[in-house]
Amino acid sequence: MPSTPPSSPSRRVLALGATAALGGLLFGFDIAIITGAGPFLLRHFQLGPLGLGWAFSSLLFGCVLGSAITGWIADHQGRRRPLLWVAVLFALTSAGTGLAPTYAIFIAARFAGGLAVGAVSVLAPMYVSEISPAPSRGRMGALYQLAIVVGILVSYSVNYALLDLGPWNWRWMFLSGAVPSVFFWIMLWRAPDSPRYLVLAGREAEAKEVLGRWLTPAEVVAELAQIRESVARRSSGWVELRRPALRRPLGIGFALAVLIHVSGINTVIDYAPQIFQSAGWAVNVALFSTFGVGVTNLLFTLISFRVIDHHGRKPPYILGSLGMTAALLGLMAAAASGHFTGGLVLSLILIYIAFFASCIGPVFWTLIPEIFPNRVRGEAMTVPVLTQWVANAIVVLLFPLAFQQAGKVVTFGFLAAMALLQAWFTWHYVPETKGRSLEEIESLWARKN
């Protein structure tokens, strides 16, 4: 180990964060690539509303299983090795989905792809939070969300570029996902495991070497002491999660995981072309308009880098929820008054996306891993991540049916009510974690019980 710290520690941390965050790009790409493929899948497989819902949500149900088993794997195999497996699975399932000869095989391949997305949704934010110093952990968490947003925008770009390729255009859309998967695997090959996992696994010398890449020797000693103290008592697995001190963070994680999806974000991301078509636009114009959604998502995620560590976690979450509520109420009013037209609908959806991207998405993926103790973070993360995938899958499955049968007014009214409930819950129950080390946050729960 060098006697002095490296000259650019922040760059080294950023490089590791960017490596894990590339998993977020694959996350966003796999979630959103079906957005442009949807209208063509509808024709190719002759799907009704529920069949289309299954085509979209099958990946999300795979995410449920992937996230359910990944916490245990992370606590026993680390963060880096499972991420390497995930990169391979991303590539294989991209090929399988694009080459699927039947609807049943397509659904099976999408479900298998969901295993990879669910796994990376646990592993990547966990890795980012564990290699990030407390003062910059919010921005590093926002880097993961930024990667998801970039993945969504890349998928929109691929969809539009392949629009006129012919009747097999949707196959090439899915096959293109193998390319970033290979880059992800290459970047992970040189990355170390997280210091907190290395201490947990009894490999303290390796943890010391990793921390020495961006901390001074004195800071390494202090950081190791904190980590050592927090993992001194080994986890008893799922039994550990029943301790009274964990009830509050688990409850908060569960509620936020439900609310982030029942307030509508993935219905907008996934079904934007269908929403725009219902507002009177042709399919090519509707697909082109998704660029506005993707670019807005990207720009306001960049804004979140400044917001999250300057204004904390709680205030932006409340503001974002209220802004989303207002936009959804606007969509409901437009539908009720007969003014559900392309330009107005696009404007309201962009407002909705702006509030989510700048205030909700980055905070959720930063806050969730922060609130759990080191020794059980892998298993505890399973609860909110698994929950958010279940909520996501159900909402995405039922949205086409609700949109067609219950109507726009009821559908957008429900989403608005959930966004408002999210603001209320955050105000009353979510603590502020800005600037606190993971060990300080752990002691906060002990004091509250």
Protein backbone atom coordinates (compact mmCIF):
# COMPACT_ATOMS: atom_id res chain seq x y z
CA MET A 1 0.00 0.00 0.00
CA PRO A 2 1.41 3.45 -0.84
CA SER A 3 2.36 5.71 2.02
CA THR A 4 0.47 8.61 0.54
CA PRO A 5 -2.93 8.58 -1.05
CA PRO A 6 -3.30 8.74 -4.80
CA SER A 7 -3.24 12.18 -6.36
CA SER A 8 -6.83 12.04 -7.65
CA PRO A 9 -8.90 10.04 -5.17
CA SER A 10 -12.19 11.50 -6.35
CA ARG A 11 -11.47 10.33 -9.88
CA ARG A 12 -10.82 6.78 -8.66
CA VAL A 13 -14.08 6.70 -6.73
CA LEU A 14 -15.88 8.17 -9.73
CA ALA A 15 -14.40 5.48 -11.99
CA LEU A 16 -15.63 2.70 -9.70
CA GLY A 17 -19.03 4.35 -9.38
CA ALA A 18 -19.25 4.71 -13.15
CA THR A 19 -18.42 1.03 -13.58
CA ALA A 20 -21.28 -0.06 -11.33
CA ALA A 21 -23.54 2.61 -12.77
CA LEU A 22 -23.14 1.08 -16.23
CA GLY A 23 -25.37 -1.64 -14.80
CA GLY A 24 -27.95 1.11 -14.46
CA LEU A 25 -27.58 1.82 -18.18
CA LEU A 26 -28.43 -1.82 -18.94
CA PHE A 27 -31.29 -1.56 -16.44
CA GLY A 28 -32.73 1.46 -18.26
CA PHE A 29 -32.08 0.03 -21.71
CA ASP A 30 -33.80 -3.31 -21.01
CA ILE A 31 -36.75 -1.64 -19.29
CA ALA A 32 -37.37 0.88 -22.08
CA ILE A 33 -36.32 -0.87 -25.30
CA ILE A 34 -39.80 -2.40 -25.52
CA THR A 35 -41.30 1.10 -25.63
CA GLY A 36 -40.57 1.45 -29.33
CA ALA A 37 -41.00 -2.25 -30.06
CA GLY A 38 -44.47 -2.34 -28.49
CA PRO A 39 -46.53 -1.16 -31.50
CA PHE A 40 -44.78 -3.70 -33.74
CA LEU A 41 -45.11 -6.54 -31.20
CA LEU A 42 -48.81 -5.73 -31.06
CA ARG A 43 -49.14 -6.42 -34.79
CA HIS A 44 -46.64 -9.28 -35.04
CA PHE A 45 -48.14 -11.40 -32.25
CA GLN A 46 -51.74 -10.08 -32.65
CA LEU A 47 -51.97 -8.99 -28.99
CA GLY A 48 -54.87 -7.57 -27.01
CA PRO A 49 -54.45 -5.12 -24.08
CA LEU A 50 -53.62 -7.85 -21.54
CA GLY A 51 -51.28 -9.63 -23.98
CA LEU A 52 -49.45 -6.34 -24.54
CA GLY A 53 -49.29 -5.87 -20.77
CA TRP A 54 -47.65 -9.30 -20.39
CA ALA A 55 -45.14 -8.48 -23.13
CA PHE A 56 -44.12 -5.35 -21.21
CA SER A 57 -44.34 -6.74 -17.67
CA SER A 58 -42.80 -10.22 -18.14
CA LEU A 59 -39.35 -8.69 -17.67
CA LEU A 60 -40.55 -7.03 -14.47
CA PHE A 61 -41.84 -10.29 -13.02
CA GLY A 62 -38.38 -11.72 -13.74
CA CYS A 63 -37.00 -8.75 -11.81
CA VAL A 64 -39.02 -9.87 -8.79
CA LEU A 65 -37.22 -13.22 -8.69
CA GLY A 66 -33.84 -11.71 -9.58
CA SER A 67 -34.01 -9.17 -6.78
CA ALA A 68 -35.33 -11.78 -4.32
CA ILE A 69 -32.25 -14.00 -4.55
CA THR A 70 -29.58 -11.37 -5.12
CA GLY A 71 -29.36 -9.99 -1.59
CA TRP A 72 -28.30 -13.39 -0.24
CA ILE A 73 -25.83 -13.81 -3.11
CA ALA A 74 -24.36 -10.35 -2.44
CA ASP A 75 -23.71 -11.13 1.22
CA HIS A 76 -22.01 -14.44 0.37
CA GLN A 77 -20.27 -13.74 -2.97
CA GLY A 78 -19.66 -10.00 -2.77
CA ARG A 79 -20.77 -7.33 -5.20
CA ARG A 80 -18.31 -7.60 -8.11
CA ARG A 81 -18.53 -11.33 -8.95
CA PRO A 82 -22.35 -11.44 -9.20
CA LEU A 83 -22.24 -8.30 -11.37
CA LEU A 84 -19.98 -10.17 -13.80
CA TRP A 85 -22.58 -12.96 -14.00
CA VAL A 86 -25.29 -10.36 -14.57
CA ALA A 87 -23.40 -8.84 -17.52
CA VAL A 88 -23.31 -12.26 -19.23
CA LEU A 89 -27.02 -12.82 -18.56
CA PHE A 90 -27.86 -9.41 -20.05
CA ALA A 91 -26.10 -10.34 -23.29
CA LEU A 92 -27.69 -13.80 -23.56
CA THR A 93 -31.23 -12.62 -22.91
CA SER A 94 -30.93 -9.69 -25.33
CA ALA A 95 -30.12 -12.24 -28.03
CA GLY A 96 -32.85 -14.63 -26.88
CA THR A 97 -35.55 -11.95 -26.91
CA GLY A 98 -34.60 -10.64 -30.35
CA LEU A 99 -34.53 -14.11 -31.89
CA ALA A 100 -37.69 -15.47 -30.22
CA PRO A 101 -39.82 -17.34 -32.83
CA THR A 102 -43.03 -17.38 -30.75
CA TYR A 103 -44.81 -15.19 -28.23
CA ALA A 104 -44.26 -17.79 -25.48
CA ILE A 105 -40.50 -17.89 -26.08
CA PHE A 106 -40.44 -14.10 -26.24
CA ILE A 107 -42.11 -13.93 -22.81
CA ALA A 108 -39.69 -16.53 -21.41
CA ALA A 109 -36.66 -14.60 -22.71
CA ARG A 110 -37.99 -11.31 -21.32
CA PHE A 111 -38.56 -13.00 -17.95
CA ALA A 112 -34.97 -14.29 -17.95
CA GLY A 113 -33.75 -10.80 -18.83
CA GLY A 114 -35.66 -9.59 -15.80
CA LEU A 115 -33.48 -11.80 -13.60
CA ALA A 116 -30.49 -9.70 -14.71
CA VAL A 117 -32.28 -6.37 -14.28
CA GLY A 118 -33.54 -7.36 -10.82
CA ALA A 119 -30.07 -8.46 -9.76
CA VAL A 120 -28.37 -5.29 -10.96
CA SER A 121 -31.01 -3.16 -9.19
CA VAL A 122 -29.77 -4.64 -5.90
CA LEU A 123 -26.05 -4.93 -6.60
CA ALA A 124 -25.21 -1.68 -8.39
CA PRO A 125 -26.65 0.87 -5.90
CA MET A 126 -25.27 -1.22 -3.02
CA TYR A 127 -21.80 -1.16 -4.55
CA VAL A 128 -21.99 2.58 -5.27
CA SER A 129 -23.09 3.41 -1.69
CA GLU A 130 -20.35 1.24 -0.17
CA ILE A 131 -17.43 2.71 -2.13
CA SER A 132 -18.58 6.35 -1.78
CA PRO A 133 -17.41 8.76 0.97
CA ALA A 134 -20.32 10.27 2.93
CA PRO A 135 -19.99 13.85 1.53
CA SER A 136 -20.33 12.66 -2.08
CA ARG A 137 -22.53 9.59 -1.67
CA GLY A 138 -25.64 11.44 -2.85
CA ARG A 139 -24.01 12.50 -6.10
CA MET A 140 -22.59 9.01 -6.60
CA GLY A 141 -26.07 7.55 -6.10
CA ALA A 142 -27.38 10.06 -8.61
CA LEU A 143 -24.73 8.75 -11.03
CA TYR A 144 -26.48 5.38 -10.97
CA GLN A 145 -29.83 7.02 -11.68
CA LEU A 146 -28.19 9.03 -14.46
CA ALA A 147 -27.00 5.80 -16.04
CA ILE A 148 -30.56 4.41 -15.95
CA VAL A 149 -31.79 7.56 -17.67
CA VAL A 150 -29.04 7.38 -20.30
CA GLY A 151 -30.00 3.75 -20.91
CA ILE A 152 -33.61 4.81 -21.47
CA LEU A 153 -32.56 7.57 -23.88
CA VAL A 154 -30.24 5.20 -25.76
CA SER A 155 -33.11 2.72 -26.13
CA TYR A 156 -35.37 5.48 -27.50
CA SER A 157 -32.64 6.41 -29.99
CA VAL A 158 -32.22 2.79 -31.08
CA ASN A 159 -35.99 2.39 -31.44
CA TYR A 160 -36.31 5.44 -33.69
CA ALA A 161 -33.19 4.59 -35.73
CA LEU A 162 -34.57 1.12 -36.50
CA LEU A 163 -38.16 2.26 -37.10
CA ASP A 164 -38.03 1.86 -40.90
CA LEU A 165 -35.88 -1.27 -41.00
CA GLY A 166 -38.78 -3.53 -42.00
CA PRO A 167 -41.04 -6.11 -40.33
CA TRP A 168 -38.15 -7.45 -38.19
CA ASN A 169 -37.19 -4.04 -36.79
CA TRP A 170 -38.34 -4.99 -33.30
CA ARG A 171 -35.92 -7.96 -33.30
CA TRP A 172 -32.93 -5.71 -33.97
CA MET A 173 -34.10 -3.39 -31.19
CA PHE A 174 -33.74 -6.18 -28.63
CA LEU A 175 -30.57 -7.68 -30.14
CA SER A 176 -28.77 -4.33 -29.79
CA GLY A 177 -28.77 -4.76 -26.00
CA ALA A 178 -25.93 -7.28 -26.23
CA VAL A 179 -23.45 -4.50 -27.11
CA PRO A 180 -23.48 -2.52 -23.80
CA SER A 181 -23.53 -5.84 -21.90
CA VAL A 182 -20.08 -6.69 -23.25
CA PHE A 183 -18.69 -3.27 -22.22
CA PHE A 184 -20.14 -3.73 -18.74
CA TRP A 185 -18.37 -7.08 -18.33
CA ILE A 186 -15.02 -5.64 -19.49
CA MET A 187 -15.21 -2.69 -17.05
CA LEU A 188 -16.14 -4.93 -14.12
CA TRP A 189 -13.20 -7.25 -14.71
CA ARG A 190 -10.73 -4.72 -13.27
CA ALA A 191 -12.94 -3.35 -10.48
CA PRO A 192 -12.33 -4.37 -6.82
CA ASP A 193 -15.03 -5.49 -4.43
CA SER A 194 -16.41 -2.99 -1.92
CA PRO A 195 -14.41 -2.35 1.29
CA ARG A 196 -17.43 -3.05 3.47
CA TYR A 197 -18.01 -6.47 1.92
CA LEU A 198 -14.28 -7.29 2.19
CA VAL A 199 -14.33 -6.55 5.92
CA LEU A 200 -17.51 -8.57 6.31
CA ALA A 201 -15.79 -11.48 4.52
CA GLY A 202 -12.71 -11.25 6.79
CA ARG A 203 -10.46 -9.82 4.05
CA GLU A 204 -9.45 -6.66 5.89
CA ALA A 205 -6.05 -6.30 4.20
CA GLU A 206 -7.78 -6.09 0.81
CA ALA A 207 -10.29 -3.60 2.21
CA LYS A 208 -7.41 -1.46 3.48
CA GLU A 209 -5.74 -1.52 0.07
CA VAL A 210 -8.98 -0.52 -1.71
CA LEU A 211 -9.70 2.34 0.71
CA GLY A 212 -6.10 3.53 0.29
CA ARG A 213 -6.81 4.31 -3.33
CA TRP A 214 -8.80 7.41 -2.39
CA LEU A 215 -8.27 8.07 1.35
CA THR A 216 -5.24 9.21 3.34
CA PRO A 217 -3.67 6.62 5.70
CA ALA A 218 -5.31 8.29 8.71
CA GLU A 219 -8.69 8.31 6.98
CA VAL A 220 -8.27 4.63 6.10
CA VAL A 221 -7.71 3.75 9.76
CA ALA A 222 -10.78 5.73 10.85
CA GLU A 223 -12.96 4.30 8.10
CA LEU A 224 -11.89 0.73 8.85
CA ALA A 225 -12.64 1.23 12.53
CA GLN A 226 -16.18 2.35 11.74
CA ILE A 227 -16.76 -0.50 9.31
CA ARG A 228 -15.27 -3.05 11.73
CA GLU A 229 -17.52 -1.89 14.54
CA SER A 230 -20.67 -2.05 12.41
CA VAL A 231 -20.02 -5.59 11.17
CA ALA A 232 -18.57 -6.97 14.40
CA ARG A 233 -21.78 -8.85 15.10
CA ARG A 234 -22.36 -11.20 12.20
CA SER A 235 -25.78 -11.22 10.57
CA SER A 236 -28.09 -14.11 11.41
CA GLY A 237 -29.63 -13.91 7.94
CA TRP A 238 -33.33 -13.22 7.61
CA VAL A 239 -33.79 -13.65 11.38
CA GLU A 240 -31.71 -10.49 11.79
CA LEU A 241 -34.29 -8.49 9.86
CA ARG A 242 -36.85 -9.16 12.58
CA ARG A 243 -34.94 -7.08 15.12
CA PRO A 244 -36.95 -4.08 16.42
CA ALA A 245 -34.24 -1.63 15.28
CA LEU A 246 -34.83 -2.66 11.66
CA ARG A 247 -38.61 -2.40 11.61
CA ARG A 248 -38.66 1.32 10.87
CA PRO A 249 -36.11 1.35 7.99
CA LEU A 250 -37.72 -1.76 6.48
CA GLY A 251 -41.17 -0.14 6.69
CA ILE A 252 -39.91 3.05 5.07
CA GLY A 253 -38.15 1.11 2.33
CA PHE A 254 -41.26 -0.98 1.64
CA ALA A 255 -43.62 2.01 1.44
CA LEU A 256 -41.35 4.11 -0.79
CA ALA A 257 -40.80 1.11 -3.08
CA VAL A 258 -44.56 0.75 -3.61
CA LEU A 259 -45.27 4.45 -4.00
CA ILE A 260 -42.52 5.17 -6.53
CA HIS A 261 -44.27 2.89 -9.03
CA VAL A 262 -47.96 3.25 -8.24
CA SER A 263 -47.43 6.98 -8.85
CA GLY A 264 -46.84 6.10 -12.50
CA ILE A 265 -43.24 6.53 -13.62
CA ASN A 266 -42.92 3.28 -15.55
CA THR A 267 -46.30 3.61 -17.22
CA VAL A 268 -45.07 6.90 -18.68
CA ILE A 269 -41.64 5.53 -19.62
CA ASP A 270 -42.96 2.30 -21.15
CA TYR A 271 -46.26 3.37 -22.69
CA ALA A 272 -45.39 6.88 -23.89
CA PRO A 273 -46.02 6.01 -27.59
CA GLN A 274 -49.44 4.52 -26.76
CA ILE A 275 -50.36 7.59 -24.68
CA PHE A 276 -49.29 9.92 -27.50
CA GLN A 277 -51.19 7.85 -30.06
CA SER A 278 -54.32 8.12 -27.89
CA ALA A 279 -53.78 11.91 -28.00
CA GLY A 280 -54.03 11.84 -31.80
CA TRP A 281 -50.47 11.33 -33.07
CA ALA A 282 -49.34 8.74 -35.64
CA VAL A 283 -46.90 6.03 -34.49
CA ASN A 284 -43.80 7.66 -36.08
CA VAL A 285 -44.58 11.03 -34.43
CA ALA A 286 -45.33 9.29 -31.14
CA LEU A 287 -41.99 7.46 -31.22
CA PHE A 288 -40.15 10.66 -32.11
CA SER A 289 -41.82 12.40 -29.15
CA THR A 290 -40.25 9.89 -26.78
CA PHE A 291 -36.99 11.77 -27.44
CA GLY A 292 -38.51 14.68 -25.53
CA VAL A 293 -39.25 12.34 -22.63
CA GLY A 294 -35.73 10.88 -22.74
CA VAL A 295 -33.91 14.20 -23.03
CA THR A 296 -35.98 15.78 -20.24
CA ASN A 297 -35.27 12.76 -18.07
CA LEU A 298 -31.54 13.13 -18.73
CA LEU A 299 -31.31 16.91 -18.22
CA PHE A 300 -33.21 16.90 -14.94
CA THR A 301 -31.29 13.91 -13.64
CA LEU A 302 -28.16 16.01 -14.15
CA ILE A 303 -29.79 18.74 -12.06
CA SER A 304 -30.29 16.17 -9.30
CA PHE A 305 -26.50 15.92 -8.87
CA ARG A 306 -26.56 19.37 -7.30
CA VAL A 307 -29.87 18.98 -5.51
CA ILE A 308 -29.24 15.74 -3.67
CA ASP A 309 -26.14 16.68 -1.64
CA HIS A 310 -27.03 20.38 -1.20
CA HIS A 311 -30.69 20.00 -0.25
CA GLY A 312 -30.66 16.51 1.21
CA ARG A 313 -33.02 13.64 0.50
CA LYS A 314 -36.30 14.56 2.18
CA PRO A 315 -37.13 18.06 0.80
CA PRO A 316 -36.56 17.10 -2.87
CA TYR A 317 -38.66 13.96 -2.44
CA ILE A 318 -41.60 15.97 -1.13
CA LEU A 319 -41.26 18.65 -3.82
CA GLY A 320 -40.94 16.06 -6.58
CA SER A 321 -44.02 14.18 -5.39
CA LEU A 322 -46.11 17.36 -5.35
CA GLY A 323 -44.92 18.35 -8.83
CA MET A 324 -45.81 14.90 -10.18
CA THR A 325 -49.23 15.19 -8.55
CA ALA A 326 -49.88 18.51 -10.30
CA ALA A 327 -48.88 17.14 -13.72
CA LEU A 328 -51.04 14.03 -13.34
CA LEU A 329 -54.01 16.13 -12.25
CA GLY A 330 -53.44 18.19 -15.40
CA LEU A 331 -53.60 15.05 -17.55
CA MET A 332 -56.79 13.99 -15.74
CA ALA A 333 -58.35 17.42 -16.30
CA ALA A 334 -57.35 17.40 -19.98
CA ALA A 335 -59.03 14.02 -20.45
CA ALA A 336 -62.16 15.06 -18.55
CA SER A 337 -62.56 18.28 -20.55
CA GLY A 338 -61.97 16.68 -23.95
CA HIS A 339 -58.66 18.48 -24.51
CA PHE A 340 -56.42 15.40 -24.39
CA THR A 341 -54.38 16.49 -27.42
CA GLY A 342 -50.78 15.84 -28.44
CA GLY A 343 -49.05 19.11 -27.52
CA LEU A 344 -50.76 19.52 -24.14
CA VAL A 345 -50.24 15.87 -23.21
CA LEU A 346 -46.55 16.01 -24.15
CA SER A 347 -46.06 19.20 -22.07
CA LEU A 348 -47.68 17.69 -18.96
CA ILE A 349 -45.73 14.45 -19.28
CA LEU A 350 -42.47 16.41 -19.60
CA ILE A 351 -43.34 18.33 -16.41
CA TYR A 352 -44.05 15.03 -14.66
CA ILE A 353 -40.73 13.56 -15.86
CA ALA A 354 -38.82 16.70 -14.80
CA PHE A 355 -40.02 16.46 -11.20
CA PHE A 356 -39.39 12.72 -11.03
CA ALA A 357 -35.91 12.90 -12.57
CA SER A 358 -34.65 15.80 -10.47
CA CYS A 359 -36.17 14.82 -7.13
CA ILE A 360 -37.45 11.23 -6.88
CA GLY A 361 -35.44 8.70 -8.90
CA PRO A 362 -31.94 9.69 -7.70
CA VAL A 363 -33.07 10.09 -4.08
CA PHE A 364 -34.80 6.70 -3.99
CA TRP A 365 -31.73 4.77 -5.19
CA THR A 366 -29.46 6.76 -2.86
CA LEU A 367 -31.66 6.65 0.23
CA ILE A 368 -32.64 2.97 0.17
CA PRO A 369 -29.14 1.44 0.58
CA GLU A 370 -28.20 4.21 3.05
CA ILE A 371 -30.83 3.32 5.64
CA PHE A 372 -29.77 -0.30 6.26
CA PRO A 373 -26.93 -1.50 8.57
CA ASN A 374 -23.74 -2.79 6.94
CA ARG A 375 -23.97 -6.36 8.20
CA VAL A 376 -27.44 -6.98 6.73
CA ARG A 377 -27.51 -4.55 3.83
CA GLY A 378 -27.60 -7.27 1.17
CA GLU A 379 -30.56 -9.10 2.71
CA ALA A 380 -32.35 -5.92 3.82
CA MET A 381 -32.05 -4.40 0.33
CA THR A 382 -34.02 -7.36 -0.97
CA VAL A 383 -37.18 -6.13 0.77
CA PRO A 384 -37.62 -2.71 -0.92
CA VAL A 385 -36.08 -3.80 -4.22
CA LEU A 386 -38.29 -6.89 -4.44
CA THR A 387 -41.29 -4.79 -3.43
CA GLN A 388 -40.68 -2.12 -6.05
CA TRP A 389 -40.39 -4.77 -8.77
CA VAL A 390 -43.68 -6.39 -7.72
CA ALA A 391 -45.41 -2.98 -7.71
CA ASN A 392 -43.79 -2.08 -11.03
CA ALA A 393 -44.81 -5.36 -12.68
CA ILE A 394 -48.44 -5.12 -11.56
CA VAL A 395 -48.80 -1.49 -12.66
CA VAL A 396 -47.19 -2.09 -16.06
CA LEU A 397 -49.26 -5.26 -16.60
CA LEU A 398 -52.58 -3.58 -15.85
CA PHE A 399 -52.01 -0.11 -17.34
CA PRO A 400 -53.13 -0.94 -20.93
CA LEU A 401 -56.28 -2.59 -19.58
CA ALA A 402 -57.04 0.29 -17.19
CA PHE A 403 -56.28 2.91 -19.84
CA GLN A 404 -58.68 1.26 -22.29
CA GLN A 405 -61.50 0.13 -19.97
CA ALA A 406 -61.46 2.45 -16.93
CA GLY A 407 -60.45 5.42 -19.06
CA LYS A 408 -57.91 8.21 -18.89
CA VAL A 409 -59.64 10.21 -16.13
CA VAL A 410 -59.74 7.32 -13.65
CA THR A 411 -56.24 6.10 -14.56
CA PHE A 412 -54.48 9.45 -14.21
CA GLY A 413 -56.58 10.34 -11.16
CA PHE A 414 -55.38 7.20 -9.36
CA LEU A 415 -51.74 7.91 -10.21
CA ALA A 416 -52.13 11.50 -8.93
CA ALA A 417 -53.56 10.26 -5.62
CA MET A 418 -50.58 7.93 -5.18
CA ALA A 419 -48.09 10.72 -5.90
CA LEU A 420 -49.79 12.88 -3.26
CA LEU A 421 -49.67 9.99 -0.78
CA GLN A 422 -45.94 9.70 -1.48
CA ALA A 423 -45.42 13.34 -0.49
CA TRP A 424 -47.41 12.87 2.73
CA PHE A 425 -45.54 9.69 3.72
CA THR A 426 -42.15 11.29 3.11
CA TRP A 427 -43.08 14.33 5.22
CA HIS A 428 -44.11 12.20 8.19
CA TYR A 429 -41.79 9.18 8.16
CA VAL A 430 -38.62 9.55 6.07
CA PRO A 431 -35.49 10.80 7.94
CA GLU A 432 -32.82 13.07 6.50
CA THR A 433 -29.56 11.18 5.79
CA LYS A 434 -27.58 13.94 4.11
CA GLY A 435 -23.92 14.07 5.19
CA ARG A 436 -24.17 11.16 7.64
CA SER A 437 -21.90 8.13 7.35
CA LEU A 438 -23.57 4.75 6.92
CA GLU A 439 -22.55 3.90 10.47
CA GLU A 440 -24.15 7.10 11.85
CA ILE A 441 -27.39 6.29 10.03
CA GLU A 442 -27.32 2.80 11.56
CA SER A 443 -27.04 4.26 15.06
CA LEU A 444 -30.01 6.57 14.30
CA TRP A 445 -32.38 3.58 14.13
CA ALA A 446 -31.00 2.20 17.40
CA ARG A 447 -31.81 5.50 19.14
CA LYS A 448 -35.37 5.47 17.81
CA ASN A 449 -36.15 2.06 19.33
